[in-house]
PDB file of N, CA and C in Angstrom:
ATOM      1  N   MET A   1     113.735  31.232  17.416  1.00  0.00           N
ATOM      2  CA  MET A   1     112.326  31.135  17.867  1.00  0.00           C
ATOM      3  C   MET A   1     111.460  30.995  16.627  1.00  0.00           C
ATOM      4  N   ALA A   2     110.470  30.125  16.738  1.00  0.00           N
ATOM      5  CA  ALA A   2     109.565  29.855  15.640  1.00  0.00           C
ATOM      6  C   ALA A   2     108.681  31.077  15.369  1.00  0.00           C
ATOM      7  N   GLU A   3     108.172  31.116  14.175  1.00  0.00           N
ATOM      8  CA  GLU A   3     107.240  32.245  13.810  1.00  0.00           C
ATOM      9  C   GLU A   3     105.989  32.071  14.637  1.00  0.00           C
ATOM     10  N   ASN A   4     105.368  33.233  14.985  1.00  0.00           N
ATOM     11  CA  ASN A   4     104.184  33.243  15.810  1.00  0.00           C
ATOM     12  C   ASN A   4     102.973  32.757  14.973  1.00  0.00           C
ATOM     13  N   PRO A   5     102.394  31.597  15.310  1.00  0.00           N
ATOM     14  CA  PRO A   5     101.255  31.106  14.568  1.00  0.00           C
ATOM     15  C   PRO A   5      99.982  31.950  14.742  1.00  0.00           C
ATOM     16  N   PHE A   6     100.010  32.814  15.760  1.00  0.00           N
ATOM     17  CA  PHE A   6      98.819  33.614  16.063  1.00  0.00           C
ATOM     18  C   PHE A   6      98.897  35.043  15.539  1.00  0.00           C
ATOM     19  N   ALA A   7      99.914  35.310  14.729  1.00  0.00           N
ATOM     20  CA  ALA A   7     100.163  36.662  14.203  1.00  0.00           C
ATOM     21  C   ALA A   7      98.947  37.214  13.394  1.00  0.00           C
ATOM     22  N   GLN A   8      98.209  36.304  12.760  1.00  0.00           N
ATOM     23  CA  GLN A   8      97.092  36.777  11.922  1.00  0.00           C
ATOM     24  C   GLN A   8      95.844  37.173  12.725  1.00  0.00           C
ATOM     25  N   PHE A   9      95.843  36.867  14.011  1.00  0.00           N
ATOM     26  CA  PHE A   9      94.675  37.077  14.860  1.00  0.00           C
ATOM     27  C   PHE A   9      94.818  38.366  15.650  1.00  0.00           C
ATOM     28  N   SER A  10      93.689  38.851  16.151  1.00  0.00           N
ATOM     29  CA  SER A  10      93.725  40.017  17.085  1.00  0.00           C
ATOM     30  C   SER A  10      94.446  39.597  18.381  1.00  0.00           C
ATOM     31  N   LEU A  11      94.904  40.533  19.106  1.00  0.00           N
ATOM     32  CA  LEU A  11      95.613  40.231  20.361  1.00  0.00           C
ATOM     33  C   LEU A  11      94.688  39.441  21.287  1.00  0.00           C
ATOM     34  N   GLU A  12      93.432  39.835  21.401  1.00  0.00           N
ATOM     35  CA  GLU A  12      92.521  39.131  22.285  1.00  0.00           C
ATOM     36  C   GLU A  12      92.305  37.683  21.879  1.00  0.00           C
ATOM     37  N   LYS A  13      92.172  37.479  20.567  1.00  0.00           N
ATOM     38  CA  LYS A  13      91.981  36.083  20.064  1.00  0.00           C
ATOM     39  C   LYS A  13      93.285  35.257  20.271  1.00  0.00           C
ATOM     40  N   ALA A  14      94.421  35.870  20.019  1.00  0.00           N
ATOM     41  CA  ALA A  14      95.707  35.173  20.199  1.00  0.00           C
ATOM     42  C   ALA A  14      95.898  34.747  21.654  1.00  0.00           C
ATOM     43  N   ILE A  15      95.571  35.631  22.552  1.00  0.00           N
ATOM     44  CA  ILE A  15      95.703  35.306  24.005  1.00  0.00           C
ATOM     45  C   ILE A  15      94.757  34.171  24.350  1.00  0.00           C
ATOM     46  N   GLY A  16      93.521  34.224  23.874  1.00  0.00           N
ATOM     47  CA  GLY A  16      92.569  33.146  24.116  1.00  0.00           C
ATOM     48  C   GLY A  16      93.025  31.798  23.582  1.00  0.00           C
ATOM     49  N   LEU A  17      93.594  31.797  22.380  1.00  0.00           N
ATOM     50  CA  LEU A  17      94.067  30.522  21.802  1.00  0.00           C
ATOM     51  C   LEU A  17      95.245  29.994  22.600  1.00  0.00           C
ATOM     52  N   ARG A  18      96.103  30.856  23.051  1.00  0.00           N
ATOM     53  CA  ARG A  18      97.265  30.425  23.876  1.00  0.00           C
ATOM     54  C   ARG A  18      96.775  29.835  25.201  1.00  0.00           C
ATOM     55  N   TRP A  19      95.738  30.441  25.817  1.00  0.00           N
ATOM     56  CA  TRP A  19      95.194  29.872  27.042  1.00  0.00           C
ATOM     57  C   TRP A  19      94.516  28.552  26.750  1.00  0.00           C
ATOM     58  N   THR A  20      93.880  28.419  25.612  1.00  0.00           N
ATOM     59  CA  THR A  20      93.253  27.149  25.260  1.00  0.00           C
ATOM     60  C   THR A  20      94.322  26.020  25.124  1.00  0.00           C
ATOM     61  N   LEU A  21      95.473  26.389  24.542  1.00  0.00           N
ATOM     62  CA  LEU A  21      96.553  25.431  24.473  1.00  0.00           C
ATOM     63  C   LEU A  21      96.985  24.993  25.847  1.00  0.00           C
ATOM     64  N   ARG A  22      97.090  25.962  26.763  1.00  0.00           N
ATOM     65  CA  ARG A  22      97.502  25.660  28.155  1.00  0.00           C
ATOM     66  C   ARG A  22      96.462  24.747  28.849  1.00  0.00           C
ATOM     67  N   ASP A  23      95.185  25.029  28.604  1.00  0.00           N
ATOM     68  CA  ASP A  23      94.110  24.180  29.193  1.00  0.00           C
ATOM     69  C   ASP A  23      94.164  22.766  28.623  1.00  0.00           C
ATOM     70  N   ILE A  24      94.500  22.614  27.350  1.00  0.00           N
ATOM     71  CA  ILE A  24      94.575  21.274  26.753  1.00  0.00           C
ATOM     72  C   ILE A  24      95.796  20.543  27.353  1.00  0.00           C
ATOM     73  N   GLN A  25      96.881  21.266  27.428  1.00  0.00           N
ATOM     74  CA  GLN A  25      98.101  20.615  27.989  1.00  0.00           C
ATOM     75  C   GLN A  25      97.919  20.187  29.439  1.00  0.00           C
ATOM     76  N   ALA A  26      97.190  20.981  30.244  1.00  0.00           N
ATOM     77  CA  ALA A  26      96.967  20.680  31.651  1.00  0.00           C
ATOM     78  C   ALA A  26      95.750  19.782  31.904  1.00  0.00           C
ATOM     79  N   ARG A  27      95.064  19.428  30.805  1.00  0.00           N
ATOM     80  CA  ARG A  27      93.872  18.572  30.892  1.00  0.00           C
ATOM     81  C   ARG A  27      92.773  19.232  31.722  1.00  0.00           C
ATOM     82  N   ARG A  28      92.542  20.484  31.541  1.00  0.00           N
ATOM     83  CA  ARG A  28      91.523  21.241  32.240  1.00  0.00           C
ATOM     84  C   ARG A  28      90.262  21.376  31.392  1.00  0.00           C
ATOM     85  N   LEU A  29      89.954  20.454  30.563  1.00  0.00           N
ATOM     86  CA  LEU A  29      88.879  20.629  29.580  1.00  0.00           C
ATOM     87  C   LEU A  29      87.484  20.512  30.161  1.00  0.00           C
ATOM     88  N   LYS A  30      87.354  19.835  31.295  1.00  0.00           N
ATOM     89  CA  LYS A  30      86.051  19.776  31.909  1.00  0.00           C
ATOM     90  C   LYS A  30      85.647  21.101  32.515  1.00  0.00           C
ATOM     91  N   MET A  31      86.659  21.807  33.048  1.00  0.00           N
ATOM     92  CA  MET A  31      86.402  23.148  33.631  1.00  0.00           C
ATOM     93  C   MET A  31      86.375  24.229  32.559  1.00  0.00           C
ATOM     94  N   SER A  32      87.206  24.008  31.502  1.00  0.00           N
ATOM     95  CA  SER A  32      87.311  25.022  30.424  1.00  0.00           C
ATOM     96  C   SER A  32      87.187  24.309  29.071  1.00  0.00           C
ATOM     97  N   PRO A  33      85.950  23.950  28.672  1.00  0.00           N
ATOM     98  CA  PRO A  33      85.806  23.249  27.389  1.00  0.00           C
ATOM     99  C   PRO A  33      86.249  24.115  26.214  1.00  0.00           C
ATOM    100  N   VAL A  34      86.811  23.470  25.195  1.00  0.00           N
ATOM    101  CA  VAL A  34      87.269  24.151  24.000  1.00  0.00           C
ATOM    102  C   VAL A  34      86.138  24.375  23.052  1.00  0.00           C
ATOM    103  N   SER A  35      86.012  25.631  22.557  1.00  0.00           N
ATOM    104  CA  SER A  35      84.906  25.870  21.571  1.00  0.00           C
ATOM    105  C   SER A  35      85.238  25.194  20.257  1.00  0.00           C
ATOM    106  N   GLU A  36      84.231  24.917  19.497  1.00  0.00           N
ATOM    107  CA  GLU A  36      84.403  24.277  18.168  1.00  0.00           C
ATOM    108  C   GLU A  36      85.280  25.150  17.264  1.00  0.00           C
ATOM    109  N   GLU A  37      85.053  26.484  17.336  1.00  0.00           N
ATOM    110  CA  GLU A  37      85.846  27.415  16.532  1.00  0.00           C
ATOM    111  C   GLU A  37      87.303  27.369  16.881  1.00  0.00           C
ATOM    112  N   ASP A  38      87.603  27.411  18.191  1.00  0.00           N
ATOM    113  CA  ASP A  38      88.985  27.345  18.616  1.00  0.00           C
ATOM    114  C   ASP A  38      89.631  26.023  18.262  1.00  0.00           C
ATOM    115  N   LEU A  39      88.878  24.921  18.393  1.00  0.00           N
ATOM    116  CA  LEU A  39      89.414  23.606  18.003  1.00  0.00           C
ATOM    117  C   LEU A  39      89.742  23.582  16.541  1.00  0.00           C
ATOM    118  N   ARG A  40      88.852  24.069  15.684  1.00  0.00           N
ATOM    119  CA  ARG A  40      89.137  24.135  14.259  1.00  0.00           C
ATOM    120  C   ARG A  40      90.349  24.953  13.956  1.00  0.00           C
ATOM    121  N   THR A  41      90.486  26.095  14.622  1.00  0.00           N
ATOM    122  CA  THR A  41      91.648  26.962  14.410  1.00  0.00           C
ATOM    123  C   THR A  41      92.956  26.274  14.813  1.00  0.00           C
ATOM    124  N   LEU A  42      92.967  25.691  15.989  1.00  0.00           N
ATOM    125  CA  LEU A  42      94.193  25.062  16.525  1.00  0.00           C
ATOM    126  C   LEU A  42      94.574  23.823  15.747  1.00  0.00           C
ATOM    127  N   THR A  43      93.583  23.028  15.345  1.00  0.00           N
ATOM    128  CA  THR A  43      93.940  21.845  14.492  1.00  0.00           C
ATOM    129  C   THR A  43      94.351  22.300  13.118  1.00  0.00           C
ATOM    130  N   GLY A  44      93.741  23.337  12.570  1.00  0.00           N
ATOM    131  CA  GLY A  44      94.159  23.893  11.275  1.00  0.00           C
ATOM    132  C   GLY A  44      95.555  24.399  11.279  1.00  0.00           C
ATOM    133  N   LEU A  45      95.993  24.974  12.417  1.00  0.00           N
ATOM    134  CA  LEU A  45      97.374  25.469  12.545  1.00  0.00           C
ATOM    135  C   LEU A  45      98.347  24.364  12.858  1.00  0.00           C
ATOM    136  N   GLY A  46      97.824  23.156  13.061  1.00  0.00           N
ATOM    137  CA  GLY A  46      98.683  21.994  13.379  1.00  0.00           C
ATOM    138  C   GLY A  46      99.216  21.980  14.781  1.00  0.00           C
ATOM    139  N   LEU A  47      98.521  22.651  15.723  1.00  0.00           N
ATOM    140  CA  LEU A  47      98.970  22.785  17.094  1.00  0.00           C
ATOM    141  C   LEU A  47      98.326  21.734  18.048  1.00  0.00           C
ATOM    142  N   VAL A  48      97.197  21.191  17.607  1.00  0.00           N
ATOM    143  CA  VAL A  48      96.403  20.269  18.386  1.00  0.00           C
ATOM    144  C   VAL A  48      95.979  19.099  17.496  1.00  0.00           C
ATOM    145  N   GLU A  49      95.907  17.908  18.110  1.00  0.00           N
ATOM    146  CA  GLU A  49      95.343  16.739  17.395  1.00  0.00           C
ATOM    147  C   GLU A  49      94.260  16.142  18.248  1.00  0.00           C
ATOM    148  N   VAL A  50      93.292  15.560  17.599  1.00  0.00           N
ATOM    149  CA  VAL A  50      92.249  14.804  18.293  1.00  0.00           C
ATOM    150  C   VAL A  50      92.584  13.345  18.223  1.00  0.00           C
ATOM    151  N   ARG A  51      92.769  12.746  19.352  1.00  0.00           N
ATOM    152  CA  ARG A  51      93.104  11.301  19.464  1.00  0.00           C
ATOM    153  C   ARG A  51      92.068  10.583  20.312  1.00  0.00           C
ATOM    154  N   ASP A  52      92.197   9.259  20.437  1.00  0.00           N
ATOM    155  CA  ASP A  52      91.249   8.497  21.237  1.00  0.00           C
ATOM    156  C   ASP A  52      91.155   9.008  22.630  1.00  0.00           C
ATOM    157  N   GLU A  53      92.317   9.417  23.190  1.00  0.00           N
ATOM    158  CA  GLU A  53      92.344   9.880  24.596  1.00  0.00           C
ATOM    159  C   GLU A  53      91.924  11.331  24.737  1.00  0.00           C
ATOM    160  N   GLY A  54      91.577  11.961  23.646  1.00  0.00           N
ATOM    161  CA  GLY A  54      91.085  13.356  23.677  1.00  0.00           C
ATOM    162  C   GLY A  54      92.010  14.302  22.928  1.00  0.00           C
ATOM    163  N   LEU A  55      92.010  15.548  23.262  1.00  0.00           N
ATOM    164  CA  LEU A  55      92.854  16.543  22.616  1.00  0.00           C
ATOM    165  C   LEU A  55      94.257  16.502  23.201  1.00  0.00           C
ATOM    166  N   VAL A  56      95.243  16.561  22.306  1.00  0.00           N
ATOM    167  CA  VAL A  56      96.617  16.559  22.703  1.00  0.00           C
ATOM    168  C   VAL A  56      97.349  17.613  21.844  1.00  0.00           C
ATOM    169  N   LEU A  57      98.379  18.209  22.446  1.00  0.00           N
ATOM    170  CA  LEU A  57      99.204  19.162  21.699  1.00  0.00           C
ATOM    171  C   LEU A  57     100.180  18.392  20.800  1.00  0.00           C
ATOM    172  N   THR A  58     100.402  18.973  19.645  1.00  0.00           N
ATOM    173  CA  THR A  58     101.448  18.409  18.747  1.00  0.00           C
ATOM    174  C   THR A  58     102.764  18.958  19.235  1.00  0.00           C
ATOM    175  N   SER A  59     103.839  18.544  18.641  1.00  0.00           N
ATOM    176  CA  SER A  59     105.136  19.099  19.024  1.00  0.00           C
ATOM    177  C   SER A  59     105.183  20.597  18.679  1.00  0.00           C
ATOM    178  N   ALA A  60     104.520  21.034  17.642  1.00  0.00           N
ATOM    179  CA  ALA A  60     104.435  22.448  17.339  1.00  0.00           C
ATOM    180  C   ALA A  60     103.656  23.222  18.407  1.00  0.00           C
ATOM    181  N   GLY A  61     102.571  22.633  18.889  1.00  0.00           N
ATOM    182  CA  GLY A  61     101.796  23.231  19.956  1.00  0.00           C
ATOM    183  C   GLY A  61     102.615  23.410  21.248  1.00  0.00           C
ATOM    184  N   THR A  62     103.366  22.340  21.566  1.00  0.00           N
ATOM    185  CA  THR A  62     104.241  22.412  22.762  1.00  0.00           C
ATOM    186  C   THR A  62     105.314  23.461  22.566  1.00  0.00           C
ATOM    187  N   ALA A  63     105.863  23.585  21.381  1.00  0.00           N
ATOM    188  CA  ALA A  63     106.917  24.586  21.074  1.00  0.00           C
ATOM    189  C   ALA A  63     106.339  25.999  21.238  1.00  0.00           C
ATOM    190  N   VAL A  64     105.077  26.212  20.845  1.00  0.00           N
ATOM    191  CA  VAL A  64     104.465  27.546  20.998  1.00  0.00           C
ATOM    192  C   VAL A  64     104.423  27.930  22.479  1.00  0.00           C
ATOM    193  N   LEU A  65     104.022  26.980  23.324  1.00  0.00           N
ATOM    194  CA  LEU A  65     103.899  27.290  24.766  1.00  0.00           C
ATOM    195  C   LEU A  65     105.293  27.406  25.418  1.00  0.00           C
ATOM    196  N   ASN A  66     106.282  26.708  24.880  1.00  0.00           N
ATOM    197  CA  ASN A  66     107.615  26.768  25.474  1.00  0.00           C
ATOM    198  C   ASN A  66     108.440  27.926  24.913  1.00  0.00           C
ATOM    199  N   GLY A  67     107.857  28.624  23.882  1.00  0.00           N
ATOM    200  CA  GLY A  67     108.589  29.758  23.309  1.00  0.00           C
ATOM    201  C   GLY A  67     109.731  29.348  22.405  1.00  0.00           C
ATOM    202  N   SER A  68     109.730  28.118  21.913  1.00  0.00           N
ATOM    203  CA  SER A  68     110.778  27.624  21.024  1.00  0.00           C
ATOM    204  C   SER A  68     110.373  27.769  19.621  1.00  0.00           C
TER     205      SER A  68
END
């Protein structure tokens, strides 16, 4: 299992970031927009990329959600 990329954050923040990853994966961004701070954090961790079609999970982001 990969190292937890959210280990440096409080439990509340880590849970919020994980839910944000789920929202991005499920394309629920109109109902649950991503904050600029969370976007900076997730892109900085290499879990999310900004592309022409919007926000997408990287393979590392998908691995975090899959527990791999």
